Amino acid sequence: MDELTQLRQAIDELDEAIMDLLDRRFDLTKAVGELKKQKTMAVSHPNREKSILKKAENHSHAESIKTLYTQIFTLSKKLQK
């Protein structure tokens, strides 16, 4: 197996893990949305989002991670509505 194939295989394995984790995250997001509805709470929680984005600063690809999380927040809010 050549180096490119090995690298792509490693990426494929990570992609599968990321997708599984996103699936779990979105399931939890739906549960949070249901609780918020029961308690008549707002869907948006800007301070929590800021806190999560702050954690991205500990990573070498912080700006890319922040961009992805901003998109995740948007999708999560849609699931909570």
PDB file of N, CA and C in Angstrom:
ATOM      1  N   MET A   1       0.848  -1.175   0.000  1.00  0.00           N
ATOM      2  CA  MET A   1       0.000   0.000   0.000  1.00  0.00           C
ATOM      3  C   MET A   1       0.898   1.244   0.000  1.00  0.00           C
ATOM      4  N   ASP A   2       0.642   2.159  -0.916  1.00  0.00           N
ATOM      5  CA  ASP A   2       1.489   3.347  -0.985  1.00  0.00           C
ATOM      6  C   ASP A   2       1.082   4.379   0.076  1.00  0.00           C
ATOM      7  N   GLU A   3       1.915   5.373   0.237  1.00  0.00           N
ATOM      8  CA  GLU A   3       1.712   6.362   1.304  1.00  0.00           C
ATOM      9  C   GLU A   3       0.392   7.120   1.140  1.00  0.00           C
ATOM     10  N   LEU A   4       0.052   7.510  -0.084  1.00  0.00           N
ATOM     11  CA  LEU A   4      -1.190   8.238  -0.316  1.00  0.00           C
ATOM     12  C   LEU A   4      -2.404   7.396   0.076  1.00  0.00           C
ATOM     13  N   THR A   5      -2.388   6.136  -0.274  1.00  0.00           N
ATOM     14  CA  THR A   5      -3.488   5.236   0.077  1.00  0.00           C
ATOM     15  C   THR A   5      -3.607   5.098   1.585  1.00  0.00           C
ATOM     16  N   GLN A   6      -2.483   4.988   2.268  1.00  0.00           N
ATOM     17  CA  GLN A   6      -2.490   4.882   3.726  1.00  0.00           C
ATOM     18  C   GLN A   6      -3.060   6.143   4.371  1.00  0.00           C
ATOM     19  N   LEU A   7      -2.646   7.291   3.872  1.00  0.00           N
ATOM     20  CA  LEU A   7      -3.147   8.549   4.422  1.00  0.00           C
ATOM     21  C   LEU A   7      -4.654   8.676   4.193  1.00  0.00           C
ATOM     22  N   ARG A   8      -5.105   8.302   3.013  1.00  0.00           N
ATOM     23  CA  ARG A   8      -6.541   8.375   2.721  1.00  0.00           C
ATOM     24  C   ARG A   8      -7.332   7.393   3.583  1.00  0.00           C
ATOM     25  N   GLN A   9      -6.756   6.240   3.831  1.00  0.00           N
ATOM     26  CA  GLN A   9      -7.424   5.265   4.689  1.00  0.00           C
ATOM     27  C   GLN A   9      -7.558   5.825   6.112  1.00  0.00           C
ATOM     28  N   ALA A  10      -6.504   6.466   6.585  1.00  0.00           N
ATOM     29  CA  ALA A  10      -6.551   7.075   7.917  1.00  0.00           C
ATOM     30  C   ALA A  10      -7.615   8.172   7.965  1.00  0.00           C
ATOM     31  N   ILE A  11      -7.706   8.965   6.905  1.00  0.00           N
ATOM     32  CA  ILE A  11      -8.729  10.011   6.834  1.00  0.00           C
ATOM     33  C   ILE A  11     -10.118   9.384   6.823  1.00  0.00           C
ATOM     34  N   ASP A  12     -10.305   8.323   6.049  1.00  0.00           N
ATOM     35  CA  ASP A  12     -11.607   7.643   5.997  1.00  0.00           C
ATOM     36  C   ASP A  12     -12.032   7.142   7.371  1.00  0.00           C
ATOM     37  N   GLU A  13     -11.085   6.603   8.132  1.00  0.00           N
ATOM     38  CA  GLU A  13     -11.388   6.119   9.477  1.00  0.00           C
ATOM     39  C   GLU A  13     -11.791   7.277  10.392  1.00  0.00           C
ATOM     40  N   LEU A  14     -11.062   8.385  10.302  1.00  0.00           N
ATOM     41  CA  LEU A  14     -11.408   9.558  11.104  1.00  0.00           C
ATOM     42  C   LEU A  14     -12.760  10.124  10.695  1.00  0.00           C
ATOM     43  N   ASP A  15     -13.017  10.168   9.383  1.00  0.00           N
ATOM     44  CA  ASP A  15     -14.310  10.671   8.908  1.00  0.00           C
ATOM     45  C   ASP A  15     -15.467   9.853   9.475  1.00  0.00           C
ATOM     46  N   GLU A  16     -15.306   8.551   9.500  1.00  0.00           N
ATOM     47  CA  GLU A  16     -16.365   7.693  10.051  1.00  0.00           C
ATOM     48  C   GLU A  16     -16.589   7.997  11.532  1.00  0.00           C
ATOM     49  N   ALA A  17     -15.498   8.168  12.270  1.00  0.00           N
ATOM     50  CA  ALA A  17     -15.604   8.496  13.695  1.00  0.00           C
ATOM     51  C   ALA A  17     -16.255   9.866  13.895  1.00  0.00           C
ATOM     52  N   ILE A  18     -15.865  10.840  13.089  1.00  0.00           N
ATOM     53  CA  ILE A  18     -16.443  12.180  13.191  1.00  0.00           C
ATOM     54  C   ILE A  18     -17.939  12.131  12.904  1.00  0.00           C
ATOM     55  N   MET A  19     -18.324  11.404  11.865  1.00  0.00           N
ATOM     56  CA  MET A  19     -19.744  11.298  11.515  1.00  0.00           C
ATOM     57  C   MET A  19     -20.543  10.629  12.626  1.00  0.00           C
ATOM     58  N   ASP A  20     -19.977   9.579  13.232  1.00  0.00           N
ATOM     59  CA  ASP A  20     -20.650   8.926  14.359  1.00  0.00           C
ATOM     60  C   ASP A  20     -20.827   9.897  15.529  1.00  0.00           C
ATOM     61  N   LEU A  21     -19.787  10.671  15.813  1.00  0.00           N
ATOM     62  CA  LEU A  21     -19.857  11.637  16.907  1.00  0.00           C
ATOM     63  C   LEU A  21     -20.857  12.753  16.604  1.00  0.00           C
ATOM     64  N   LEU A  22     -20.893  13.209  15.356  1.00  0.00           N
ATOM     65  CA  LEU A  22     -21.868  14.238  14.989  1.00  0.00           C
ATOM     66  C   LEU A  22     -23.289  13.707  15.119  1.00  0.00           C
ATOM     67  N   ASP A  23     -23.494  12.454  14.722  1.00  0.00           N
ATOM     68  CA  ASP A  23     -24.803  11.837  14.887  1.00  0.00           C
ATOM     69  C   ASP A  23     -25.226  11.866  16.352  1.00  0.00           C
ATOM     70  N   ARG A  24     -24.311  11.477  17.239  1.00  0.00           N
ATOM     71  CA  ARG A  24     -24.608  11.480  18.673  1.00  0.00           C
ATOM     72  C   ARG A  24     -24.864  12.897  19.175  1.00  0.00           C
ATOM     73  N   ARG A  25     -24.058  13.849  18.685  1.00  0.00           N
ATOM     74  CA  ARG A  25     -24.218  15.243  19.115  1.00  0.00           C
ATOM     75  C   ARG A  25     -25.587  15.770  18.707  1.00  0.00           C
ATOM     76  N   PHE A  26     -26.003  15.481  17.473  1.00  0.00           N
ATOM     77  CA  PHE A  26     -27.295  15.971  17.005  1.00  0.00           C
ATOM     78  C   PHE A  26     -28.453  15.290  17.741  1.00  0.00           C
ATOM     79  N   ASP A  27     -28.292  14.024  18.119  1.00  0.00           N
ATOM     80  CA  ASP A  27     -29.312  13.365  18.944  1.00  0.00           C
ATOM     81  C   ASP A  27     -29.449  14.078  20.292  1.00  0.00           C
ATOM     82  N   LEU A  28     -28.313  14.400  20.894  1.00  0.00           N
ATOM     83  CA  LEU A  28     -28.329  15.126  22.166  1.00  0.00           C
ATOM     84  C   LEU A  28     -28.918  16.524  21.996  1.00  0.00           C
ATOM     85  N   THR A  29     -28.609  17.147  20.871  1.00  0.00           N
ATOM     86  CA  THR A  29     -29.152  18.473  20.576  1.00  0.00           C
ATOM     87  C   THR A  29     -30.670  18.442  20.545  1.00  0.00           C
ATOM     88  N   LYS A  30     -31.233  17.402  19.920  1.00  0.00           N
ATOM     89  CA  LYS A  30     -32.687  17.268  19.885  1.00  0.00           C
ATOM     90  C   LYS A  30     -33.254  17.135  21.295  1.00  0.00           C
ATOM     91  N   ALA A  31     -32.585  16.348  22.140  1.00  0.00           N
ATOM     92  CA  ALA A  31     -33.038  16.173  23.516  1.00  0.00           C
ATOM     93  C   ALA A  31     -32.974  17.497  24.279  1.00  0.00           C
ATOM     94  N   VAL A  32     -31.914  18.255  24.064  1.00  0.00           N
ATOM     95  CA  VAL A  32     -31.794  19.569  24.696  1.00  0.00           C
ATOM     96  C   VAL A  32     -32.930  20.470  24.220  1.00  0.00           C
ATOM     97  N   GLY A  33     -33.229  20.422  22.938  1.00  0.00           N
ATOM     98  CA  GLY A  33     -34.316  21.230  22.390  1.00  0.00           C
ATOM     99  C   GLY A  33     -35.653  20.905  23.029  1.00  0.00           C
ATOM    100  N   GLU A  34     -35.907  19.626  23.258  1.00  0.00           N
ATOM    101  CA  GLU A  34     -37.155  19.219  23.912  1.00  0.00           C
ATOM    102  C   GLU A  34     -37.230  19.763  25.330  1.00  0.00           C
ATOM    103  N   LEU A  35     -36.134  19.677  26.061  1.00  0.00           N
ATOM    104  CA  LEU A  35     -36.111  20.222  27.423  1.00  0.00           C
ATOM    105  C   LEU A  35     -36.321  21.734  27.420  1.00  0.00           C
ATOM    106  N   LYS A  36     -35.685  22.397  26.477  1.00  0.00           N
ATOM    107  CA  LYS A  36     -35.844  23.854  26.390  1.00  0.00           C
ATOM    108  C   LYS A  36     -37.297  24.219  26.100  1.00  0.00           C
ATOM    109  N   LYS A  37     -37.960  23.441  25.250  1.00  0.00           N
ATOM    110  CA  LYS A  37     -39.374  23.701  24.954  1.00  0.00           C
ATOM    111  C   LYS A  37     -40.219  23.533  26.212  1.00  0.00           C
ATOM    112  N   GLN A  38     -39.961  22.452  26.963  1.00  0.00           N
ATOM    113  CA  GLN A  38     -40.721  22.201  28.195  1.00  0.00           C
ATOM    114  C   GLN A  38     -40.547  23.328  29.193  1.00  0.00           C
ATOM    115  N   LYS A  39     -39.350  23.888  29.236  1.00  0.00           N
ATOM    116  CA  LYS A  39     -39.045  24.938  30.209  1.00  0.00           C
ATOM    117  C   LYS A  39     -39.176  26.336  29.604  1.00  0.00           C
ATOM    118  N   THR A  40     -39.700  26.395  28.385  1.00  0.00           N
ATOM    119  CA  THR A  40     -39.852  27.648  27.638  1.00  0.00           C
ATOM    120  C   THR A  40     -38.573  28.492  27.657  1.00  0.00           C
ATOM    121  N   MET A  41     -37.488  27.848  27.305  1.00  0.00           N
ATOM    122  CA  MET A  41     -36.185  28.515  27.231  1.00  0.00           C
ATOM    123  C   MET A  41     -35.861  28.835  25.772  1.00  0.00           C
ATOM    124  N   ALA A  42     -35.039  29.838  25.584  1.00  0.00           N
ATOM    125  CA  ALA A  42     -34.606  30.223  24.239  1.00  0.00           C
ATOM    126  C   ALA A  42     -33.704  29.142  23.643  1.00  0.00           C
ATOM    127  N   VAL A  43     -33.792  28.984  22.335  1.00  0.00           N
ATOM    128  CA  VAL A  43     -32.947  28.014  21.638  1.00  0.00           C
ATOM    129  C   VAL A  43     -31.500  28.481  21.649  1.00  0.00           C
ATOM    130  N   SER A  44     -31.286  29.743  21.387  1.00  0.00           N
ATOM    131  CA  SER A  44     -29.931  30.285  21.285  1.00  0.00           C
ATOM    132  C   SER A  44     -29.314  30.492  22.664  1.00  0.00           C
ATOM    133  N   HIS A  45     -28.035  30.169  22.776  1.00  0.00           N
ATOM    134  CA  HIS A  45     -27.296  30.354  24.019  1.00  0.00           C
ATOM    135  C   HIS A  45     -25.902  30.886  23.659  1.00  0.00           C
ATOM    136  N   PRO A  46     -25.808  32.179  23.350  1.00  0.00           N
ATOM    137  CA  PRO A  46     -24.559  32.760  22.854  1.00  0.00           C
ATOM    138  C   PRO A  46     -23.356  32.554  23.774  1.00  0.00           C
ATOM    139  N   ASN A  47     -23.551  32.616  25.081  1.00  0.00           N
ATOM    140  CA  ASN A  47     -22.408  32.435  25.991  1.00  0.00           C
ATOM    141  C   ASN A  47     -21.839  31.024  25.895  1.00  0.00           C
ATOM    142  N   ARG A  48     -22.715  30.041  25.738  1.00  0.00           N
ATOM    143  CA  ARG A  48     -22.240  28.658  25.578  1.00  0.00           C
ATOM    144  C   ARG A  48     -21.463  28.521  24.272  1.00  0.00           C
ATOM    145  N   GLU A  49     -21.978  29.116  23.212  1.00  0.00           N
ATOM    146  CA  GLU A  49     -21.285  29.049  21.923  1.00  0.00           C
ATOM    147  C   GLU A  49     -19.893  29.679  22.033  1.00  0.00           C
ATOM    148  N   LYS A  50     -19.810  30.834  22.676  1.00  0.00           N
ATOM    149  CA  LYS A  50     -18.521  31.502  22.856  1.00  0.00           C
ATOM    150  C   LYS A  50     -17.557  30.620  23.642  1.00  0.00           C
ATOM    151  N   SER A  51     -18.072  29.952  24.658  1.00  0.00           N
ATOM    152  CA  SER A  51     -17.247  29.075  25.484  1.00  0.00           C
ATOM    153  C   SER A  51     -16.679  27.910  24.663  1.00  0.00           C
ATOM    154  N   ILE A  52     -17.512  27.339  23.817  1.00  0.00           N
ATOM    155  CA  ILE A  52     -17.062  26.225  22.977  1.00  0.00           C
ATOM    156  C   ILE A  52     -16.034  26.716  21.959  1.00  0.00           C
ATOM    157  N   LEU A  53     -16.295  27.863  21.345  1.00  0.00           N
ATOM    158  CA  LEU A  53     -15.344  28.405  20.367  1.00  0.00           C
ATOM    159  C   LEU A  53     -14.013  28.753  21.023  1.00  0.00           C
ATOM    160  N   LYS A  54     -14.065  29.177  22.266  1.00  0.00           N
ATOM    161  CA  LYS A  54     -12.830  29.491  23.005  1.00  0.00           C
ATOM    162  C   LYS A  54     -11.952  28.243  23.133  1.00  0.00           C
ATOM    163  N   LYS A  55     -12.562  27.080  23.324  1.00  0.00           N
ATOM    164  CA  LYS A  55     -11.800  25.829  23.432  1.00  0.00           C
ATOM    165  C   LYS A  55     -11.044  25.519  22.153  1.00  0.00           C
ATOM    166  N   ALA A  56     -11.567  25.972  21.030  1.00  0.00           N
ATOM    167  CA  ALA A  56     -10.910  25.722  19.749  1.00  0.00           C
ATOM    168  C   ALA A  56      -9.538  26.378  19.679  1.00  0.00           C
ATOM    169  N   GLU A  57      -9.360  27.438  20.448  1.00  0.00           N
ATOM    170  CA  GLU A  57      -8.094  28.166  20.423  1.00  0.00           C
ATOM    171  C   GLU A  57      -6.919  27.317  20.905  1.00  0.00           C
ATOM    172  N   ASN A  58      -7.206  26.187  21.540  1.00  0.00           N
ATOM    173  CA  ASN A  58      -6.150  25.290  22.020  1.00  0.00           C
ATOM    174  C   ASN A  58      -5.653  24.353  20.920  1.00  0.00           C
ATOM    175  N   HIS A  59      -6.186  24.481  19.721  1.00  0.00           N
ATOM    176  CA  HIS A  59      -5.853  23.560  18.634  1.00  0.00           C
ATOM    177  C   HIS A  59      -5.126  24.296  17.509  1.00  0.00           C
ATOM    178  N   SER A  60      -4.293  23.550  16.801  1.00  0.00           N
ATOM    179  CA  SER A  60      -3.468  24.166  15.757  1.00  0.00           C
ATOM    180  C   SER A  60      -4.280  24.675  14.571  1.00  0.00           C
ATOM    181  N   HIS A  61      -5.466  24.152  14.367  1.00  0.00           N
ATOM    182  CA  HIS A  61      -6.328  24.591  13.265  1.00  0.00           C
ATOM    183  C   HIS A  61      -7.557  25.311  13.814  1.00  0.00           C
ATOM    184  N   ALA A  62      -7.309  26.205  14.763  1.00  0.00           N
ATOM    185  CA  ALA A  62      -8.387  26.862  15.506  1.00  0.00           C
ATOM    186  C   ALA A  62      -9.404  27.552  14.605  1.00  0.00           C
ATOM    187  N   GLU A  63      -8.955  28.292  13.634  1.00  0.00           N
ATOM    188  CA  GLU A  63      -9.894  29.038  12.794  1.00  0.00           C
ATOM    189  C   GLU A  63     -10.788  28.111  11.986  1.00  0.00           C
ATOM    190  N   SER A  64     -10.232  27.036  11.472  1.00  0.00           N
ATOM    191  CA  SER A  64     -11.042  26.063  10.724  1.00  0.00           C
ATOM    192  C   SER A  64     -12.041  25.375  11.649  1.00  0.00           C
ATOM    193  N   ILE A  65     -11.605  25.041  12.839  1.00  0.00           N
ATOM    194  CA  ILE A  65     -12.490  24.400  13.816  1.00  0.00           C
ATOM    195  C   ILE A  65     -13.617  25.350  14.199  1.00  0.00           C
ATOM    196  N   LYS A  66     -13.296  26.618  14.403  1.00  0.00           N
ATOM    197  CA  LYS A  66     -14.329  27.609  14.744  1.00  0.00           C
ATOM    198  C   LYS A  66     -15.352  27.728  13.618  1.00  0.00           C
ATOM    199  N   THR A  67     -14.881  27.705  12.387  1.00  0.00           N
ATOM    200  CA  THR A  67     -15.789  27.781  11.240  1.00  0.00           C
ATOM    201  C   THR A  67     -16.734  26.586  11.226  1.00  0.00           C
ATOM    202  N   LEU A  68     -16.194  25.397  11.456  1.00  0.00           N
ATOM    203  CA  LEU A  68     -17.031  24.197  11.500  1.00  0.00           C
ATOM    204  C   LEU A  68     -18.034  24.253  12.641  1.00  0.00           C
ATOM    205  N   TYR A  69     -17.587  24.686  13.799  1.00  0.00           N
ATOM    206  CA  TYR A  69     -18.496  24.743  14.946  1.00  0.00           C
ATOM    207  C   TYR A  69     -19.591  25.789  14.762  1.00  0.00           C
ATOM    208  N   THR A  70     -19.276  26.865  14.097  1.00  0.00           N
ATOM    209  CA  THR A  70     -20.308  27.857  13.811  1.00  0.00           C
ATOM    210  C   THR A  70     -21.406  27.223  12.959  1.00  0.00           C
ATOM    211  N   GLN A  71     -21.015  26.400  12.013  1.00  0.00           N
ATOM    212  CA  GLN A  71     -21.986  25.691  11.182  1.00  0.00           C
ATOM    213  C   GLN A  71     -22.756  24.656  12.019  1.00  0.00           C
ATOM    214  N   ILE A  72     -22.061  23.962  12.889  1.00  0.00           N
ATOM    215  CA  ILE A  72     -22.716  22.982  13.777  1.00  0.00           C
ATOM    216  C   ILE A  72     -23.755  23.688  14.649  1.00  0.00           C
ATOM    217  N   PHE A  73     -23.412  24.871  15.170  1.00  0.00           N
ATOM    218  CA  PHE A  73     -24.368  25.621  15.993  1.00  0.00           C
ATOM    219  C   PHE A  73     -25.623  25.964  15.197  1.00  0.00           C
ATOM    220  N   THR A  74     -25.436  26.388  13.957  1.00  0.00           N
ATOM    221  CA  THR A  74     -26.574  26.736  13.097  1.00  0.00           C
ATOM    222  C   THR A  74     -27.479  25.525  12.891  1.00  0.00           C
ATOM    223  N   LEU A  75     -26.875  24.384  12.569  1.00  0.00           N
ATOM    224  CA  LEU A  75     -27.652  23.158  12.355  1.00  0.00           C
ATOM    225  C   LEU A  75     -28.322  22.700  13.647  1.00  0.00           C
ATOM    226  N   SER A  76     -27.629  22.829  14.754  1.00  0.00           N
ATOM    227  CA  SER A  76     -28.184  22.420  16.043  1.00  0.00           C
ATOM    228  C   SER A  76     -29.406  23.248  16.412  1.00  0.00           C
ATOM    229  N   LYS A  77     -29.353  24.547  16.160  1.00  0.00           N
ATOM    230  CA  LYS A  77     -30.500  25.410  16.458  1.00  0.00           C
ATOM    231  C   LYS A  77     -31.701  25.016  15.607  1.00  0.00           C
ATOM    232  N   LYS A  78     -31.458  24.650  14.372  1.00  0.00           N
ATOM    233  CA  LYS A  78     -32.551  24.207  13.503  1.00  0.00           C
ATOM    234  C   LYS A  78     -33.188  22.928  14.058  1.00  0.00           C
ATOM    235  N   LEU A  79     -32.364  22.019  14.566  1.00  0.00           N
ATOM    236  CA  LEU A  79     -32.890  20.771  15.144  1.00  0.00           C
ATOM    237  C   LEU A  79     -33.673  21.022  16.427  1.00  0.00           C
ATOM    238  N   GLN A  80     -33.303  22.062  17.152  1.00  0.00           N
ATOM    239  CA  GLN A  80     -33.976  22.353  18.422  1.00  0.00           C
ATOM    240  C   GLN A  80     -35.325  23.031  18.232  1.00  0.00           C
ATOM    241  N   LYS A  81     -35.556  23.593  17.076  1.00  0.00           N
ATOM    242  CA  LYS A  81     -36.817  24.324  16.852  1.00  0.00           C
ATOM    243  C   LYS A  81     -37.947  23.383  16.516  1.00  0.00           C
TER     244      LYS A  81
END
